[in-house]
Amino acid sequence: MVFRPDEVDSFLAIFESVKDKIAGFEGCDGVELLRDKHNSNVMFTYSYWDSEKNLDKYRYSELFADTWQKTKKLFLQKAEAWSLEKHS
């Protein structure tokens, strides 16, 4: 996610307020916030899910809708999302 530089602190406050709720969501095995080393307004949330089904439950939850509504107002660019799996 690329945030407007003046909104980075707003996003960090949002993330801090919801990270434990996300991590406690059924099927979530952890959530992290990663920040680009060279562009402090570029961040990634990385969450681990035990199944696509539980991720979808989160994606359609009130928690996600409320968090996304607050967060998307802060973007400088349209956000991207990927679902990844470890390659063994």
PDB file of N, CA and C in Angstrom:
ATOM      1  N   MET A   1       0.848  -1.155   0.000  1.00  0.00           N
ATOM      2  CA  MET A   1       0.000   0.000   0.000  1.00  0.00           C
ATOM      3  C   MET A   1       0.899   1.224   0.000  1.00  0.00           C
ATOM      4  N   VAL A   2       0.540   2.196  -0.812  1.00  0.00           N
ATOM      5  CA  VAL A   2       1.291   3.449  -0.860  1.00  0.00           C
ATOM      6  C   VAL A   2       0.392   4.534  -0.280  1.00  0.00           C
ATOM      7  N   PHE A   3       0.850   5.112   0.811  1.00  0.00           N
ATOM      8  CA  PHE A   3       0.069   6.124   1.508  1.00  0.00           C
ATOM      9  C   PHE A   3       0.556   7.522   1.181  1.00  0.00           C
ATOM     10  N   ARG A   4      -0.353   8.467   1.260  1.00  0.00           N
ATOM     11  CA  ARG A   4       0.074   9.860   1.199  1.00  0.00           C
ATOM     12  C   ARG A   4       1.004  10.069   2.394  1.00  0.00           C
ATOM     13  N   PRO A   5       2.150  10.701   2.184  1.00  0.00           N
ATOM     14  CA  PRO A   5       3.122  10.831   3.284  1.00  0.00           C
ATOM     15  C   PRO A   5       2.535  11.442   4.558  1.00  0.00           C
ATOM     16  N   ASP A   6       1.617  12.368   4.420  1.00  0.00           N
ATOM     17  CA  ASP A   6       1.036  13.004   5.607  1.00  0.00           C
ATOM     18  C   ASP A   6       0.007  12.114   6.309  1.00  0.00           C
ATOM     19  N   GLU A   7      -0.283  10.942   5.766  1.00  0.00           N
ATOM     20  CA  GLU A   7      -1.266  10.029   6.351  1.00  0.00           C
ATOM     21  C   GLU A   7      -0.649   8.753   6.923  1.00  0.00           C
ATOM     22  N   VAL A   8       0.670   8.646   6.881  1.00  0.00           N
ATOM     23  CA  VAL A   8       1.336   7.442   7.388  1.00  0.00           C
ATOM     24  C   VAL A   8       1.005   7.224   8.862  1.00  0.00           C
ATOM     25  N   ASP A   9       1.103   8.257   9.671  1.00  0.00           N
ATOM     26  CA  ASP A   9       0.804   8.100  11.095  1.00  0.00           C
ATOM     27  C   ASP A   9      -0.642   7.697  11.329  1.00  0.00           C
ATOM     28  N   SER A  10      -1.546   8.188  10.492  1.00  0.00           N
ATOM     29  CA  SER A  10      -2.950   7.786  10.611  1.00  0.00           C
ATOM     30  C   SER A  10      -3.100   6.296  10.347  1.00  0.00           C
ATOM     31  N   PHE A  11      -2.424   5.796   9.316  1.00  0.00           N
ATOM     32  CA  PHE A  11      -2.505   4.372   9.036  1.00  0.00           C
ATOM     33  C   PHE A  11      -1.889   3.555  10.164  1.00  0.00           C
ATOM     34  N   LEU A  12      -0.752   3.983  10.673  1.00  0.00           N
ATOM     35  CA  LEU A  12      -0.113   3.240  11.757  1.00  0.00           C
ATOM     36  C   LEU A  12      -1.039   3.150  12.974  1.00  0.00           C
ATOM     37  N   ALA A  13      -1.761   4.212  13.254  1.00  0.00           N
ATOM     38  CA  ALA A  13      -2.717   4.193  14.369  1.00  0.00           C
ATOM     39  C   ALA A  13      -3.854   3.213  14.089  1.00  0.00           C
ATOM     40  N   ILE A  14      -4.347   3.196  12.867  1.00  0.00           N
ATOM     41  CA  ILE A  14      -5.408   2.237  12.502  1.00  0.00           C
ATOM     42  C   ILE A  14      -4.893   0.816  12.664  1.00  0.00           C
ATOM     43  N   PHE A  15      -3.720   0.548  12.126  1.00  0.00           N
ATOM     44  CA  PHE A  15      -3.167  -0.809  12.194  1.00  0.00           C
ATOM     45  C   PHE A  15      -2.979  -1.250  13.641  1.00  0.00           C
ATOM     46  N   GLU A  16      -2.428  -0.384  14.466  1.00  0.00           N
ATOM     47  CA  GLU A  16      -2.224  -0.727  15.879  1.00  0.00           C
ATOM     48  C   GLU A  16      -3.541  -1.059  16.567  1.00  0.00           C
ATOM     49  N   SER A  17      -4.602  -0.364  16.165  1.00  0.00           N
ATOM     50  CA  SER A  17      -5.897  -0.581  16.818  1.00  0.00           C
ATOM     51  C   SER A  17      -6.586  -1.872  16.385  1.00  0.00           C
ATOM     52  N   VAL A  18      -6.185  -2.452  15.253  1.00  0.00           N
ATOM     53  CA  VAL A  18      -6.869  -3.656  14.751  1.00  0.00           C
ATOM     54  C   VAL A  18      -5.992  -4.890  14.642  1.00  0.00           C
ATOM     55  N   LYS A  19      -4.692  -4.754  14.778  1.00  0.00           N
ATOM     56  CA  LYS A  19      -3.815  -5.908  14.512  1.00  0.00           C
ATOM     57  C   LYS A  19      -4.125  -7.098  15.410  1.00  0.00           C
ATOM     58  N   ASP A  20      -4.420  -6.866  16.683  1.00  0.00           N
ATOM     59  CA  ASP A  20      -4.729  -7.976  17.576  1.00  0.00           C
ATOM     60  C   ASP A  20      -6.090  -8.595  17.241  1.00  0.00           C
ATOM     61  N   LYS A  21      -7.021  -7.773  16.776  1.00  0.00           N
ATOM     62  CA  LYS A  21      -8.328  -8.291  16.373  1.00  0.00           C
ATOM     63  C   LYS A  21      -8.195  -9.165  15.129  1.00  0.00           C
ATOM     64  N   ILE A  22      -7.370  -8.715  14.193  1.00  0.00           N
ATOM     65  CA  ILE A  22      -7.137  -9.516  12.982  1.00  0.00           C
ATOM     66  C   ILE A  22      -6.456 -10.827  13.359  1.00  0.00           C
ATOM     67  N   ALA A  23      -5.403 -10.724  14.180  1.00  0.00           N
ATOM     68  CA  ALA A  23      -4.662 -11.916  14.585  1.00  0.00           C
ATOM     69  C   ALA A  23      -5.551 -12.891  15.360  1.00  0.00           C
ATOM     70  N   GLY A  24      -6.575 -12.374  16.020  1.00  0.00           N
ATOM     71  CA  GLY A  24      -7.478 -13.222  16.770  1.00  0.00           C
ATOM     72  C   GLY A  24      -8.649 -13.764  15.970  1.00  0.00           C
ATOM     73  N   PHE A  25      -8.721 -13.362  14.715  1.00  0.00           N
ATOM     74  CA  PHE A  25      -9.806 -13.824  13.860  1.00  0.00           C
ATOM     75  C   PHE A  25      -9.634 -15.313  13.599  1.00  0.00           C
ATOM     76  N   GLU A  26     -10.734 -16.033  13.542  1.00  0.00           N
ATOM     77  CA  GLU A  26     -10.685 -17.479  13.327  1.00  0.00           C
ATOM     78  C   GLU A  26      -9.845 -17.830  12.099  1.00  0.00           C
ATOM     79  N   GLY A  27      -8.845 -18.661  12.318  1.00  0.00           N
ATOM     80  CA  GLY A  27      -8.012 -19.124  11.214  1.00  0.00           C
ATOM     81  C   GLY A  27      -6.800 -18.267  10.923  1.00  0.00           C
ATOM     82  N   CYS A  28      -6.652 -17.124  11.606  1.00  0.00           N
ATOM     83  CA  CYS A  28      -5.481 -16.280  11.377  1.00  0.00           C
ATOM     84  C   CYS A  28      -4.351 -16.755  12.282  1.00  0.00           C
ATOM     85  N   ASP A  29      -3.218 -17.021  11.678  1.00  0.00           N
ATOM     86  CA  ASP A  29      -2.054 -17.496  12.417  1.00  0.00           C
ATOM     87  C   ASP A  29      -1.021 -16.398  12.629  1.00  0.00           C
ATOM     88  N   GLY A  30      -1.385 -15.155  12.382  1.00  0.00           N
ATOM     89  CA  GLY A  30      -0.494 -14.024  12.627  1.00  0.00           C
ATOM     90  C   GLY A  30      -0.636 -12.955  11.567  1.00  0.00           C
ATOM     91  N   VAL A  31      -0.299 -11.748  11.954  1.00  0.00           N
ATOM     92  CA  VAL A  31      -0.330 -10.613  11.036  1.00  0.00           C
ATOM     93  C   VAL A  31       0.861  -9.715  11.338  1.00  0.00           C
ATOM     94  N   GLU A  32       1.483  -9.218  10.278  1.00  0.00           N
ATOM     95  CA  GLU A  32       2.663  -8.367  10.415  1.00  0.00           C
ATOM     96  C   GLU A  32       2.497  -7.134   9.531  1.00  0.00           C
ATOM     97  N   LEU A  33       3.190  -6.076   9.907  1.00  0.00           N
ATOM     98  CA  LEU A  33       3.260  -4.883   9.081  1.00  0.00           C
ATOM     99  C   LEU A  33       4.702  -4.731   8.635  1.00  0.00           C
ATOM    100  N   LEU A  34       4.888  -4.652   7.328  1.00  0.00           N
ATOM    101  CA  LEU A  34       6.212  -4.480   6.742  1.00  0.00           C
ATOM    102  C   LEU A  34       6.275  -3.111   6.080  1.00  0.00           C
ATOM    103  N   ARG A  35       7.447  -2.460   6.183  1.00  0.00           N
ATOM    104  CA  ARG A  35       7.610  -1.118   5.623  1.00  0.00           C
ATOM    105  C   ARG A  35       8.818  -1.124   4.686  1.00  0.00           C
ATOM    106  N   ASP A  36       8.669  -0.509   3.549  1.00  0.00           N
ATOM    107  CA  ASP A  36       9.760  -0.392   2.591  1.00  0.00           C
ATOM    108  C   ASP A  36      10.926   0.359   3.235  1.00  0.00           C
ATOM    109  N   LYS A  37      12.136  -0.147   3.065  1.00  0.00           N
ATOM    110  CA  LYS A  37      13.315   0.467   3.677  1.00  0.00           C
ATOM    111  C   LYS A  37      13.641   1.842   3.106  1.00  0.00           C
ATOM    112  N   HIS A  38      13.227   2.091   1.866  1.00  0.00           N
ATOM    113  CA  HIS A  38      13.613   3.339   1.203  1.00  0.00           C
ATOM    114  C   HIS A  38      12.453   4.303   1.006  1.00  0.00           C
ATOM    115  N   ASN A  39      11.235   3.833   1.168  1.00  0.00           N
ATOM    116  CA  ASN A  39      10.044   4.676   1.001  1.00  0.00           C
ATOM    117  C   ASN A  39       9.130   4.436   2.200  1.00  0.00           C
ATOM    118  N   SER A  40       9.208   5.315   3.176  1.00  0.00           N
ATOM    119  CA  SER A  40       8.519   5.085   4.445  1.00  0.00           C
ATOM    120  C   SER A  40       6.998   5.146   4.336  1.00  0.00           C
ATOM    121  N   ASN A  41       6.494   5.568   3.186  1.00  0.00           N
ATOM    122  CA  ASN A  41       5.037   5.593   3.003  1.00  0.00           C
ATOM    123  C   ASN A  41       4.526   4.369   2.237  1.00  0.00           C
ATOM    124  N   VAL A  42       5.394   3.392   2.008  1.00  0.00           N
ATOM    125  CA  VAL A  42       5.019   2.151   1.337  1.00  0.00           C
ATOM    126  C   VAL A  42       5.036   1.031   2.376  1.00  0.00           C
ATOM    127  N   MET A  43       3.882   0.379   2.533  1.00  0.00           N
ATOM    128  CA  MET A  43       3.755  -0.668   3.548  1.00  0.00           C
ATOM    129  C   MET A  43       2.987  -1.865   3.009  1.00  0.00           C
ATOM    130  N   PHE A  44       3.223  -2.973   3.668  1.00  0.00           N
ATOM    131  CA  PHE A  44       2.556  -4.229   3.339  1.00  0.00           C
ATOM    132  C   PHE A  44       2.033  -4.834   4.634  1.00  0.00           C
ATOM    133  N   THR A  45       0.817  -5.306   4.625  1.00  0.00           N
ATOM    134  CA  THR A  45       0.375  -6.151   5.719  1.00  0.00           C
ATOM    135  C   THR A  45       0.514  -7.581   5.224  1.00  0.00           C
ATOM    136  N   TYR A  46       1.017  -8.426   6.085  1.00  0.00           N
ATOM    137  CA  TYR A  46       1.244  -9.823   5.750  1.00  0.00           C
ATOM    138  C   TYR A  46       0.558 -10.654   6.810  1.00  0.00           C
ATOM    139  N   SER A  47      -0.446 -11.394   6.402  1.00  0.00           N
ATOM    140  CA  SER A  47      -1.180 -12.217   7.355  1.00  0.00           C
ATOM    141  C   SER A  47      -1.125 -13.673   6.908  1.00  0.00           C
ATOM    142  N   TYR A  48      -1.148 -14.547   7.903  1.00  0.00           N
ATOM    143  CA  TYR A  48      -1.065 -15.984   7.674  1.00  0.00           C
ATOM    144  C   TYR A  48      -2.423 -16.593   8.009  1.00  0.00           C
ATOM    145  N   TRP A  49      -2.974 -17.357   7.085  1.00  0.00           N
ATOM    146  CA  TRP A  49      -4.301 -17.968   7.275  1.00  0.00           C
ATOM    147  C   TRP A  49      -4.206 -19.466   7.087  1.00  0.00           C
ATOM    148  N   ASP A  50      -4.974 -20.193   7.891  1.00  0.00           N
ATOM    149  CA  ASP A  50      -4.927 -21.654   7.792  1.00  0.00           C
ATOM    150  C   ASP A  50      -5.738 -22.192   6.624  1.00  0.00           C
ATOM    151  N   SER A  51      -6.617 -21.341   6.056  1.00  0.00           N
ATOM    152  CA  SER A  51      -7.380 -21.772   4.886  1.00  0.00           C
ATOM    153  C   SER A  51      -7.935 -20.565   4.141  1.00  0.00           C
ATOM    154  N   GLU A  52      -8.183 -20.752   2.883  1.00  0.00           N
ATOM    155  CA  GLU A  52      -8.814 -19.720   2.056  1.00  0.00           C
ATOM    156  C   GLU A  52     -10.210 -19.392   2.593  1.00  0.00           C
ATOM    157  N   LYS A  53     -10.870 -20.399   3.114  1.00  0.00           N
ATOM    158  CA  LYS A  53     -12.215 -20.216   3.663  1.00  0.00           C
ATOM    159  C   LYS A  53     -12.196 -19.210   4.820  1.00  0.00           C
ATOM    160  N   ASN A  54     -11.248 -19.352   5.736  1.00  0.00           N
ATOM    161  CA  ASN A  54     -11.168 -18.418   6.850  1.00  0.00           C
ATOM    162  C   ASN A  54     -10.726 -17.028   6.401  1.00  0.00           C
ATOM    163  N   LEU A  55      -9.843 -16.969   5.421  1.00  0.00           N
ATOM    164  CA  LEU A  55      -9.467 -15.663   4.871  1.00  0.00           C
ATOM    165  C   LEU A  55     -10.687 -14.985   4.268  1.00  0.00           C
ATOM    166  N   ASP A  56     -11.484 -15.721   3.539  1.00  0.00           N
ATOM    167  CA  ASP A  56     -12.694 -15.143   2.950  1.00  0.00           C
ATOM    168  C   ASP A  56     -13.680 -14.674   4.019  1.00  0.00           C
ATOM    169  N   LYS A  57     -13.797 -15.419   5.116  1.00  0.00           N
ATOM    170  CA  LYS A  57     -14.661 -14.978   6.218  1.00  0.00           C
ATOM    171  C   LYS A  57     -14.187 -13.621   6.737  1.00  0.00           C
ATOM    172  N   TYR A  58     -12.884 -13.467   6.866  1.00  0.00           N
ATOM    173  CA  TYR A  58     -12.333 -12.180   7.302  1.00  0.00           C
ATOM    174  C   TYR A  58     -12.613 -11.095   6.263  1.00  0.00           C
ATOM    175  N   ARG A  59     -12.377 -11.403   5.002  1.00  0.00           N
ATOM    176  CA  ARG A  59     -12.576 -10.411   3.938  1.00  0.00           C
ATOM    177  C   ARG A  59     -14.007  -9.875   3.894  1.00  0.00           C
ATOM    178  N   TYR A  60     -14.967 -10.697   4.318  1.00  0.00           N
ATOM    179  CA  TYR A  60     -16.372 -10.286   4.298  1.00  0.00           C
ATOM    180  C   TYR A  60     -16.891  -9.912   5.687  1.00  0.00           C
ATOM    181  N   SER A  61     -15.974  -9.698   6.614  1.00  0.00           N
ATOM    182  CA  SER A  61     -16.364  -9.372   7.982  1.00  0.00           C
ATOM    183  C   SER A  61     -16.544  -7.861   8.165  1.00  0.00           C
ATOM    184  N   GLU A  62     -17.239  -7.520   9.227  1.00  0.00           N
ATOM    185  CA  GLU A  62     -17.409  -6.114   9.603  1.00  0.00           C
ATOM    186  C   GLU A  62     -16.064  -5.498   9.967  1.00  0.00           C
ATOM    187  N   LEU A  63     -15.199  -6.279  10.604  1.00  0.00           N
ATOM    188  CA  LEU A  63     -13.861  -5.790  10.960  1.00  0.00           C
ATOM    189  C   LEU A  63     -13.104  -5.348   9.718  1.00  0.00           C
ATOM    190  N   PHE A  64     -13.089  -6.188   8.690  1.00  0.00           N
ATOM    191  CA  PHE A  64     -12.388  -5.823   7.463  1.00  0.00           C
ATOM    192  C   PHE A  64     -13.038  -4.608   6.805  1.00  0.00           C
ATOM    193  N   ALA A  65     -14.354  -4.609   6.686  1.00  0.00           N
ATOM    194  CA  ALA A  65     -15.057  -3.503   6.023  1.00  0.00           C
ATOM    195  C   ALA A  65     -14.767  -2.178   6.715  1.00  0.00           C
ATOM    196  N   ASP A  66     -14.813  -2.165   8.032  1.00  0.00           N
ATOM    197  CA  ASP A  66     -14.562  -0.936   8.778  1.00  0.00           C
ATOM    198  C   ASP A  66     -13.109  -0.486   8.631  1.00  0.00           C
ATOM    199  N   THR A  67     -12.183  -1.430   8.742  1.00  0.00           N
ATOM    200  CA  THR A  67     -10.755  -1.105   8.617  1.00  0.00           C
ATOM    201  C   THR A  67     -10.437  -0.604   7.208  1.00  0.00           C
ATOM    202  N   TRP A  68     -10.984  -1.274   6.202  1.00  0.00           N
ATOM    203  CA  TRP A  68     -10.718  -0.895   4.818  1.00  0.00           C
ATOM    204  C   TRP A  68     -11.299   0.484   4.504  1.00  0.00           C
ATOM    205  N   GLN A  69     -12.479   0.759   5.011  1.00  0.00           N
ATOM    206  CA  GLN A  69     -13.103   2.061   4.770  1.00  0.00           C
ATOM    207  C   GLN A  69     -12.210   3.189   5.301  1.00  0.00           C
ATOM    208  N   LYS A  70     -11.644   3.006   6.468  1.00  0.00           N
ATOM    209  CA  LYS A  70     -10.764   4.020   7.053  1.00  0.00           C
ATOM    210  C   LYS A  70      -9.436   4.105   6.320  1.00  0.00           C
ATOM    211  N   THR A  71      -8.906   2.953   5.931  1.00  0.00           N
ATOM    212  CA  THR A  71      -7.569   2.888   5.340  1.00  0.00           C
ATOM    213  C   THR A  71      -7.535   3.406   3.911  1.00  0.00           C
ATOM    214  N   LYS A  72      -8.514   3.057   3.095  1.00  0.00           N
ATOM    215  CA  LYS A  72      -8.444   3.405   1.673  1.00  0.00           C
ATOM    216  C   LYS A  72      -8.460   4.914   1.427  1.00  0.00           C
ATOM    217  N   LYS A  73      -8.953   5.676   2.380  1.00  0.00           N
ATOM    218  CA  LYS A  73      -8.955   7.137   2.252  1.00  0.00           C
ATOM    219  C   LYS A  73      -7.557   7.729   2.338  1.00  0.00           C
ATOM    220  N   LEU A  74      -6.610   6.953   2.812  1.00  0.00           N
ATOM    221  CA  LEU A  74      -5.255   7.434   3.070  1.00  0.00           C
ATOM    222  C   LEU A  74      -4.276   7.153   1.935  1.00  0.00           C
ATOM    223  N   PHE A  75      -4.714   6.408   0.920  1.00  0.00           N
ATOM    224  CA  PHE A  75      -3.819   5.967  -0.150  1.00  0.00           C
ATOM    225  C   PHE A  75      -3.402   7.085  -1.090  1.00  0.00           C
ATOM    226  N   LEU A  76      -2.173   6.980  -1.539  1.00  0.00           N
ATOM    227  CA  LEU A  76      -1.671   7.808  -2.626  1.00  0.00           C
ATOM    228  C   LEU A  76      -1.931   7.101  -3.955  1.00  0.00           C
ATOM    229  N   GLN A  77      -1.863   5.766  -3.927  1.00  0.00           N
ATOM    230  CA  GLN A  77      -2.096   4.940  -5.117  1.00  0.00           C
ATOM    231  C   GLN A  77      -3.055   3.812  -4.749  1.00  0.00           C
ATOM    232  N   LYS A  78      -3.696   3.265  -5.755  1.00  0.00           N
ATOM    233  CA  LYS A  78      -4.588   2.125  -5.535  1.00  0.00           C
ATOM    234  C   LYS A  78      -3.802   0.962  -4.930  1.00  0.00           C
ATOM    235  N   ALA A  79      -4.370   0.349  -3.926  1.00  0.00           N
ATOM    236  CA  ALA A  79      -3.704  -0.768  -3.257  1.00  0.00           C
ATOM    237  C   ALA A  79      -3.804  -2.037  -4.093  1.00  0.00           C
ATOM    238  N   GLU A  80      -2.859  -2.926  -3.872  1.00  0.00           N
ATOM    239  CA  GLU A  80      -2.855  -4.236  -4.504  1.00  0.00           C
ATOM    240  C   GLU A  80      -2.850  -5.289  -3.418  1.00  0.00           C
ATOM    241  N   ALA A  81      -3.391  -6.453  -3.714  1.00  0.00           N
ATOM    242  CA  ALA A  81      -3.385  -7.568  -2.760  1.00  0.00           C
ATOM    243  C   ALA A  81      -3.062  -8.854  -3.506  1.00  0.00           C
ATOM    244  N   TRP A  82      -2.357  -9.722  -2.819  1.00  0.00           N
ATOM    245  CA  TRP A  82      -2.010 -11.028  -3.372  1.00  0.00           C
ATOM    246  C   TRP A  82      -2.277 -12.095  -2.330  1.00  0.00           C
ATOM    247  N   SER A  83      -2.628 -13.272  -2.783  1.00  0.00           N
ATOM    248  CA  SER A  83      -2.663 -14.452  -1.925  1.00  0.00           C
ATOM    249  C   SER A  83      -1.488 -15.313  -2.362  1.00  0.00           C
ATOM    250  N   LEU A  84      -0.651 -15.650  -1.416  1.00  0.00           N
ATOM    251  CA  LEU A  84       0.599 -16.356  -1.703  1.00  0.00           C
ATOM    252  C   LEU A  84       0.648 -17.661  -0.942  1.00  0.00           C
ATOM    253  N   GLU A  85       1.499 -18.557  -1.406  1.00  0.00           N
ATOM    254  CA  GLU A  85       1.779 -19.769  -0.670  1.00  0.00           C
ATOM    255  C   GLU A  85       3.271 -20.009  -0.699  1.00  0.00           C
ATOM    256  N   LYS A  86       3.771 -20.660   0.341  1.00  0.00           N
ATOM    257  CA  LYS A  86       5.206 -20.963   0.389  1.00  0.00           C
ATOM    258  C   LYS A  86       5.536 -22.016  -0.635  1.00  0.00           C
ATOM    259  N   HIS A  87       6.663 -21.825  -1.257  1.00  0.00           N
ATOM    260  CA  HIS A  87       7.165 -22.810  -2.210  1.00  0.00           C
ATOM    261  C   HIS A  87       8.204 -23.651  -1.482  1.00  0.00           C
ATOM    262  N   SER A  88       8.006 -24.940  -1.491  1.00  0.00           N
ATOM    263  CA  SER A  88       8.904 -25.811  -0.723  1.00  0.00           C
ATOM    264  C   SER A  88      10.105 -26.249  -1.485  1.00  0.00           C
TER     265      SER A  88
END
